[in-house]
Protein backbone atom coordinates (compact mmCIF):
# COMPACT_ATOMS: atom_id res chain seq x y z
CA MET A 1 -34.97 -55.28 -0.03
CA GLU A 2 -34.99 -51.51 1.55
CA GLY A 3 -36.08 -48.40 0.29
CA ARG A 4 -36.51 -44.81 1.44
CA ALA A 5 -38.43 -41.79 0.32
CA ALA A 6 -39.75 -38.30 1.46
CA ALA A 7 -43.06 -36.48 0.49
CA LEU A 8 -44.24 -32.89 1.37
CA GLY A 9 -46.69 -31.69 3.52
CA ALA A 10 -49.25 -29.28 2.00
CA GLY A 11 -51.78 -26.39 2.60
CA THR A 12 -55.21 -25.60 1.24
CA VAL A 13 -56.16 -23.50 -1.47
CA LEU A 14 -59.93 -25.23 -1.81
CA ASN A 15 -61.38 -27.96 0.49
CA ALA A 16 -63.04 -30.49 -1.69
CA LEU A 17 -65.41 -31.76 0.81
CA ALA A 18 -68.17 -29.57 -0.58
CA THR A 19 -68.29 -30.02 -4.14
CA GLY A 20 -65.40 -32.95 -4.97
CA THR A 21 -63.19 -30.08 -6.57
CA GLY A 22 -59.95 -29.49 -4.47
CA ALA A 23 -56.71 -27.59 -4.74
CA ALA A 24 -53.71 -27.54 -2.36
CA PHE A 25 -49.85 -26.36 -2.51
CA GLY A 26 -46.74 -28.44 -1.54
CA LEU A 27 -44.89 -26.95 1.66
CA ASP A 28 -41.05 -27.54 2.75
CA VAL A 29 -42.02 -29.79 5.34
CA GLU A 30 -41.33 -33.56 4.79
CA THR A 31 -42.57 -37.02 5.96
CA ARG A 32 -39.93 -39.77 5.24
CA ALA A 33 -40.53 -43.31 4.95
CA SER A 34 -38.41 -46.39 5.29
CA VAL A 35 -39.52 -49.85 3.94
CA ALA A 36 -37.96 -53.32 4.67
CA LEU A 37 -39.35 -55.95 2.46
CA ASP A 38 -39.27 -59.62 3.22
CA PRO A 39 -40.52 -62.34 0.96
CA ASP A 40 -41.10 -64.54 3.91
CA ALA A 41 -42.89 -62.24 5.90
CA GLU A 42 -46.66 -62.32 6.63
CA GLY A 43 -48.10 -59.02 6.51
CA VAL A 44 -46.73 -55.58 7.21
CA ASP A 45 -45.77 -54.02 10.63
CA GLY A 46 -45.81 -50.16 10.90
CA THR A 47 -44.16 -47.47 13.08
CA ILE A 48 -44.87 -43.82 13.44
CA ALA A 49 -41.94 -42.12 15.31
CA GLU A 50 -43.62 -39.27 16.56
CA ASP A 51 -46.19 -41.31 18.14
CA PRO A 52 -45.89 -45.06 18.74
CA ASP A 53 -49.58 -45.40 19.75
CA ALA A 54 -50.75 -43.96 16.63
CA ASP A 55 -52.85 -45.82 14.22
CA THR A 56 -50.52 -47.30 11.43
CA ALA A 57 -53.13 -48.92 9.16
CA LEU A 58 -52.61 -46.42 6.45
CA ILE A 59 -48.82 -46.86 6.10
CA GLU A 60 -49.24 -50.65 6.22
CA ARG A 61 -52.09 -50.62 3.78
CA CYS A 62 -49.82 -48.65 1.41
CA VAL A 63 -46.88 -51.30 1.65
CA ALA A 64 -49.48 -54.05 1.10
CA LEU A 65 -51.21 -52.46 -2.02
CA ALA A 66 -47.82 -51.48 -3.45
CA THR A 67 -46.29 -55.10 -3.23
CA ASP A 68 -49.51 -56.46 -4.46
CA ARG A 69 -49.51 -54.19 -7.63
CA TRP A 70 -45.79 -54.17 -8.46
CA GLY A 71 -44.15 -56.86 -6.44
CA ASP A 72 -45.03 -60.44 -5.30
CA GLY A 73 -46.98 -59.57 -2.09
CA GLU A 74 -44.05 -59.30 -0.15
CA GLY A 75 -44.47 -58.48 3.73
CA GLY A 76 -42.11 -56.36 6.00
CA THR A 77 -41.99 -53.30 7.95
CA VAL A 78 -42.30 -49.59 7.38
CA ARG A 79 -41.46 -46.59 9.63
CA THR A 80 -42.15 -43.24 9.00
CA ASP A 81 -40.88 -39.72 10.70
CA SER A 82 -42.34 -36.46 9.93
CA ASP A 83 -41.94 -32.79 10.26
CA VAL A 84 -45.63 -32.52 9.63
CA PRO A 85 -47.81 -32.40 12.66
CA LEU A 86 -50.34 -35.08 12.85
CA ALA A 87 -54.05 -34.13 12.44
CA ALA A 88 -53.36 -30.42 11.85
CA GLY A 89 -54.61 -29.97 8.64
CA LEU A 90 -51.29 -30.11 6.85
CA LYS A 91 -51.58 -33.15 4.98
CA SER A 92 -49.76 -35.43 7.21
CA SER A 93 -51.73 -38.40 6.06
CA SER A 94 -51.32 -37.81 2.19
CA ALA A 95 -47.45 -37.33 2.87
CA ALA A 96 -47.23 -40.46 4.85
CA ALA A 97 -48.91 -42.61 2.09
CA ASN A 98 -46.86 -40.98 -0.79
CA ALA A 99 -43.75 -41.49 1.30
CA THR A 100 -44.47 -44.89 1.80
CA VAL A 101 -45.61 -45.75 -1.42
CA LEU A 102 -42.38 -44.51 -3.13
CA ALA A 103 -40.22 -46.09 -0.42
CA THR A 104 -42.01 -49.44 -1.36
CA CYS A 105 -41.10 -48.94 -4.92
CA ASP A 106 -37.64 -48.18 -4.03
CA ALA A 107 -37.52 -51.37 -2.04
CA LEU A 108 -38.71 -53.34 -5.11
CA GLY A 109 -36.07 -51.99 -7.27
CA LEU A 110 -38.51 -49.92 -9.27
CA THR A 111 -37.70 -46.49 -10.86
CA VAL A 112 -40.04 -43.80 -10.23
CA GLY A 113 -40.62 -40.50 -12.17
CA ASP A 114 -43.04 -38.70 -14.16
CA GLY A 115 -42.44 -39.36 -17.86
CA GLY A 116 -44.66 -36.67 -19.03
CA ASP A 117 -47.26 -37.72 -16.51
CA GLY A 118 -47.13 -34.85 -14.08
CA GLY A 119 -44.35 -32.69 -15.37
CA GLY A 120 -40.78 -33.45 -14.86
CA ASP A 121 -38.35 -36.09 -16.49
CA ASP A 122 -38.93 -37.44 -19.85
CA ALA A 123 -37.72 -40.98 -19.47
CA THR A 124 -40.14 -43.82 -18.75
CA PRO A 125 -40.14 -44.92 -15.24
CA ASP A 126 -41.39 -48.23 -13.91
CA VAL A 127 -44.00 -46.38 -11.94
CA THR A 128 -45.15 -42.80 -12.29
CA ARG A 129 -45.69 -40.48 -9.35
CA LEU A 130 -49.37 -39.98 -10.19
CA GLU A 131 -49.76 -43.80 -10.54
CA ALA A 132 -48.01 -43.98 -6.91
CA CYS A 133 -50.25 -40.88 -5.62
CA ARG A 134 -53.61 -42.72 -6.92
CA LEU A 135 -52.46 -45.88 -5.12
CA GLY A 136 -51.86 -43.99 -1.91
CA VAL A 137 -55.51 -42.28 -2.19
CA ARG A 138 -56.81 -45.72 -2.53
CA ALA A 139 -54.94 -47.06 0.78
CA ALA A 140 -56.16 -43.68 2.44
CA ARG A 141 -59.88 -44.67 1.51
CA GLU A 142 -59.65 -48.27 2.48
CA ALA A 143 -57.82 -47.20 5.80
CA GLY A 144 -60.74 -44.65 6.47
CA VAL A 145 -58.59 -41.71 7.00
CA THR A 146 -60.22 -39.57 4.47
CA VAL A 147 -63.69 -38.45 3.38
CA THR A 148 -62.90 -37.44 -0.15
CA GLY A 149 -59.76 -39.66 -0.96
CA ALA A 150 -57.78 -36.35 -0.67
CA PHE A 151 -56.19 -36.32 -4.18
CA ASP A 152 -55.79 -32.76 -4.14
CA ASP A 153 -53.54 -32.97 -0.86
CA ALA A 154 -52.01 -36.14 -2.26
CA THR A 155 -50.86 -34.37 -5.68
CA ALA A 156 -49.63 -31.56 -3.96
CA SER A 157 -47.56 -33.56 -1.65
CA MET A 158 -46.45 -35.74 -4.50
CA LEU A 159 -45.77 -33.22 -7.27
CA GLY A 160 -45.37 -30.05 -5.50
CA GLY A 161 -46.63 -26.65 -6.72
CA VAL A 162 -50.58 -26.03 -6.70
CA THR A 163 -52.71 -28.56 -7.89
CA VAL A 164 -56.40 -28.45 -8.79
CA THR A 165 -58.02 -31.90 -8.79
CA ASP A 166 -61.49 -33.63 -9.22
CA ASN A 167 -61.38 -35.71 -6.18
CA ASP A 168 -64.23 -37.80 -7.38
CA ALA A 169 -62.51 -39.12 -10.32
CA ASP A 170 -58.92 -38.81 -8.86
CA GLU A 171 -58.22 -36.55 -12.06
CA LEU A 172 -55.54 -33.88 -12.06
CA ARG A 173 -57.20 -30.80 -13.55
CA SER A 174 -54.08 -28.42 -13.45
CA ARG A 175 -50.79 -27.99 -11.81
CA GLU A 176 -48.39 -24.87 -11.52
CA ALA A 177 -45.57 -23.64 -9.74
CA VAL A 178 -45.67 -21.16 -7.19
CA ASP A 179 -43.04 -19.56 -5.07
CA TRP A 180 -44.49 -18.11 -1.86
CA ASP A 181 -43.14 -17.31 1.86
CA VAL A 182 -45.41 -19.41 4.37
CA LEU A 183 -46.48 -19.05 7.75
CA VAL A 184 -48.30 -21.65 9.58
CA TRP A 185 -50.27 -21.29 12.85
CA THR A 186 -51.22 -24.62 14.49
CA PRO A 187 -53.24 -24.33 17.80
CA PRO A 188 -52.95 -27.04 20.38
CA GLU A 189 -56.13 -28.96 19.48
CA ARG A 190 -56.19 -31.38 16.65
CA ALA A 191 -58.78 -32.29 14.04
CA TYR A 192 -59.34 -35.52 12.16
CA SER A 193 -60.43 -35.27 8.44
CA ALA A 194 -62.63 -38.33 8.81
CA ASP A 195 -64.52 -36.40 11.51
CA ALA A 196 -65.39 -33.48 9.50
CA ASP A 197 -69.11 -32.47 9.26
CA VAL A 198 -69.58 -33.08 5.45
CA ALA A 199 -73.21 -32.02 5.41
CA ARG A 200 -71.97 -28.50 6.89
CA CYS A 201 -69.21 -28.31 4.16
CA GLU A 202 -71.53 -29.03 1.24
CA ALA A 203 -73.72 -26.42 2.50
CA VAL A 204 -71.01 -24.03 1.53
CA ALA A 205 -70.96 -25.50 -2.12
CA PRO A 206 -71.73 -22.13 -3.97
CA MET A 207 -68.50 -20.60 -2.47
CA ALA A 208 -66.63 -23.61 -3.31
CA ASP A 209 -67.51 -23.24 -6.93
CA LEU A 210 -66.38 -19.74 -6.80
CA VAL A 211 -63.05 -20.73 -5.07
CA ALA A 212 -62.80 -23.39 -7.81
CA ASP A 213 -63.09 -20.67 -10.57
CA LEU A 214 -60.51 -18.52 -9.10
CA ALA A 215 -58.21 -21.39 -8.72
CA LEU A 216 -58.55 -22.50 -12.45
CA ASP A 217 -57.85 -18.96 -13.35
CA GLY A 218 -54.61 -18.92 -11.43
CA ARG A 219 -55.73 -16.55 -8.86
CA TYR A 220 -54.72 -19.05 -6.09
CA ALA A 221 -54.31 -16.79 -3.26
CA GLU A 222 -57.55 -15.12 -3.53
CA ALA A 223 -59.04 -18.37 -3.88
CA MET A 224 -57.64 -19.50 -0.64
CA THR A 225 -58.70 -16.55 1.30
CA VAL A 226 -62.39 -16.99 0.28
CA ASN A 227 -61.98 -20.70 0.92
CA GLY A 228 -60.89 -19.89 4.41
CA LEU A 229 -63.55 -17.62 5.51
CA ALA A 230 -66.22 -20.18 3.98
CA PHE A 231 -64.87 -23.39 5.86
CA SER A 232 -64.06 -21.87 8.94
CA ALA A 233 -67.70 -20.99 9.13
CA ALA A 234 -68.79 -24.42 8.19
CA LEU A 235 -66.44 -26.23 10.58
CA GLY A 236 -66.71 -24.01 13.52
CA PHE A 237 -63.37 -22.44 13.48
CA ASP A 238 -62.80 -18.75 14.62
CA ALA A 239 -62.09 -16.45 11.53
CA ASP A 240 -60.09 -13.98 13.64
CA PRO A 241 -56.85 -15.28 12.54
CA ALA A 242 -57.49 -14.99 8.98
CA VAL A 243 -58.89 -11.46 9.42
CA GLU A 244 -55.72 -10.52 11.29
CA ALA A 245 -53.34 -11.87 8.42
CA MET A 246 -55.45 -10.34 5.54
CA PRO A 247 -53.73 -6.75 5.56
CA HIS A 248 -50.35 -8.34 5.23
CA ALA A 249 -50.86 -11.52 3.51
CA THR A 250 -51.22 -12.23 -0.46
CA GLY A 251 -53.77 -15.19 0.91
CA VAL A 252 -54.78 -16.92 4.04
CA SER A 253 -56.86 -19.94 4.64
CA LEU A 254 -57.78 -22.71 7.18
CA SER A 255 -55.78 -25.56 6.08
CA GLY A 256 -57.98 -28.79 5.14
CA THR A 257 -60.43 -29.42 8.01
CA GLY A 258 -58.16 -27.56 10.32
CA PRO A 259 -57.13 -26.65 12.94
CA SER A 260 -54.01 -24.99 11.28
CA VAL A 261 -54.24 -21.55 9.35
CA VAL A 262 -51.81 -20.94 6.68
CA ALA A 263 -50.85 -17.52 5.41
CA VAL A 264 -48.71 -16.95 2.04
CA ALA A 265 -46.91 -13.82 0.88
CA ASP A 266 -45.47 -13.23 -2.37
CA PRO A 267 -41.74 -12.26 -1.75
CA ALA A 268 -41.55 -10.04 -4.84
CA ASP A 269 -44.59 -7.94 -3.40
CA PRO A 270 -43.23 -4.99 -1.08
CA GLU A 271 -47.18 -4.73 -0.03
CA THR A 272 -46.92 -8.20 1.85
CA GLY A 273 -44.86 -9.87 4.32
CA LEU A 274 -45.40 -12.17 7.13
CA ASP A 275 -43.72 -10.66 10.09
CA ALA A 276 -47.02 -8.80 11.12
CA VAL A 277 -48.83 -11.71 10.92
CA ALA A 278 -46.26 -13.66 13.16
CA ASP A 279 -46.47 -11.07 15.77
CA ALA A 280 -50.52 -11.22 15.82
CA TRP A 281 -50.59 -15.06 15.77
CA GLY A 282 -47.92 -15.32 18.42
CA GLU A 283 -50.19 -13.94 20.81
CA ARG A 284 -52.08 -17.17 20.37
CA PRO A 285 -51.65 -20.34 22.04
CA GLY A 286 -49.98 -22.96 19.78
CA ALA A 287 -46.91 -23.10 17.46
CA LEU A 288 -45.91 -21.11 14.42
CA ARG A 289 -43.73 -22.19 11.65
CA ARG A 290 -42.18 -20.39 8.94
CA THR A 291 -41.37 -22.30 5.54
CA THR A 292 -41.73 -21.90 1.86
CA THR A 293 -43.79 -23.47 -0.95
CA ARG A 294 -41.96 -26.35 -2.85
CA ASN A 295 -42.42 -27.21 -6.70
CA ASP A 296 -40.23 -30.33 -6.82
CA GLY A 297 -42.61 -32.81 -4.71
CA ALA A 298 -41.92 -36.35 -3.52
CA ALA A 299 -38.86 -38.44 -4.30
CA VAL A 300 -36.83 -41.56 -3.44
CA GLU A 301 -33.96 -40.75 -1.34
């Protein structure tokens, strides 16, 4: 009983820590999961390829919850490998959870799709991607790797495109396809979502409400720029990288609770382009990554 799946990393439009409303968009970077189930195994053993010493509680909990819900409580093993850097604000936990839940469904022989619940195929699957997404969010809460449950990040990773969510209710408010070029700057330091200063984030709630209005109006790039300035201040990150990008990018934001900064450009807009941003950010320590948005989301392999 073996299964494989892949899920997307994501960038932030609106950090949900202030109000519970969040928004994110899928990136063309992936986390892959391989699950092997054994009806006779007790428990689940996990491995993270990039860091053998990393905490595997999240992916193990995903397998356990999925087999409890859709299987017969099978144990086994799970292994993830990823293009998404850990603790960098690019939704590595959401991608790992989504990939693991879908790989477990694959190992159980279940079909996964949308069936009108998230956009996509019309056939009725055994498990919808939103059901799988919510189970991964539950696992993330139980594993203690998230403050809000990160349903915004999880839906962007699972469904692709831009998603706007109510993280308190795990409700998808809107989803829309976007086509952007993307540049990510990730400094050497790492920031864990569970360690974020929630009180400081709640202090910028009026700005978060404005960002939510912009996002629900489809003005995603403007929304992410306002979000980036507000949450960089709240979380103690330098806003200079965002300011450097603004003349050249359609939108730019601190992603998640940092430390990565993500700039996007509309390839159809001759007034924008990321080469100048890359020149400026290339002077800073850390790593640059060029990628694009994706609208297809997670899938069984």
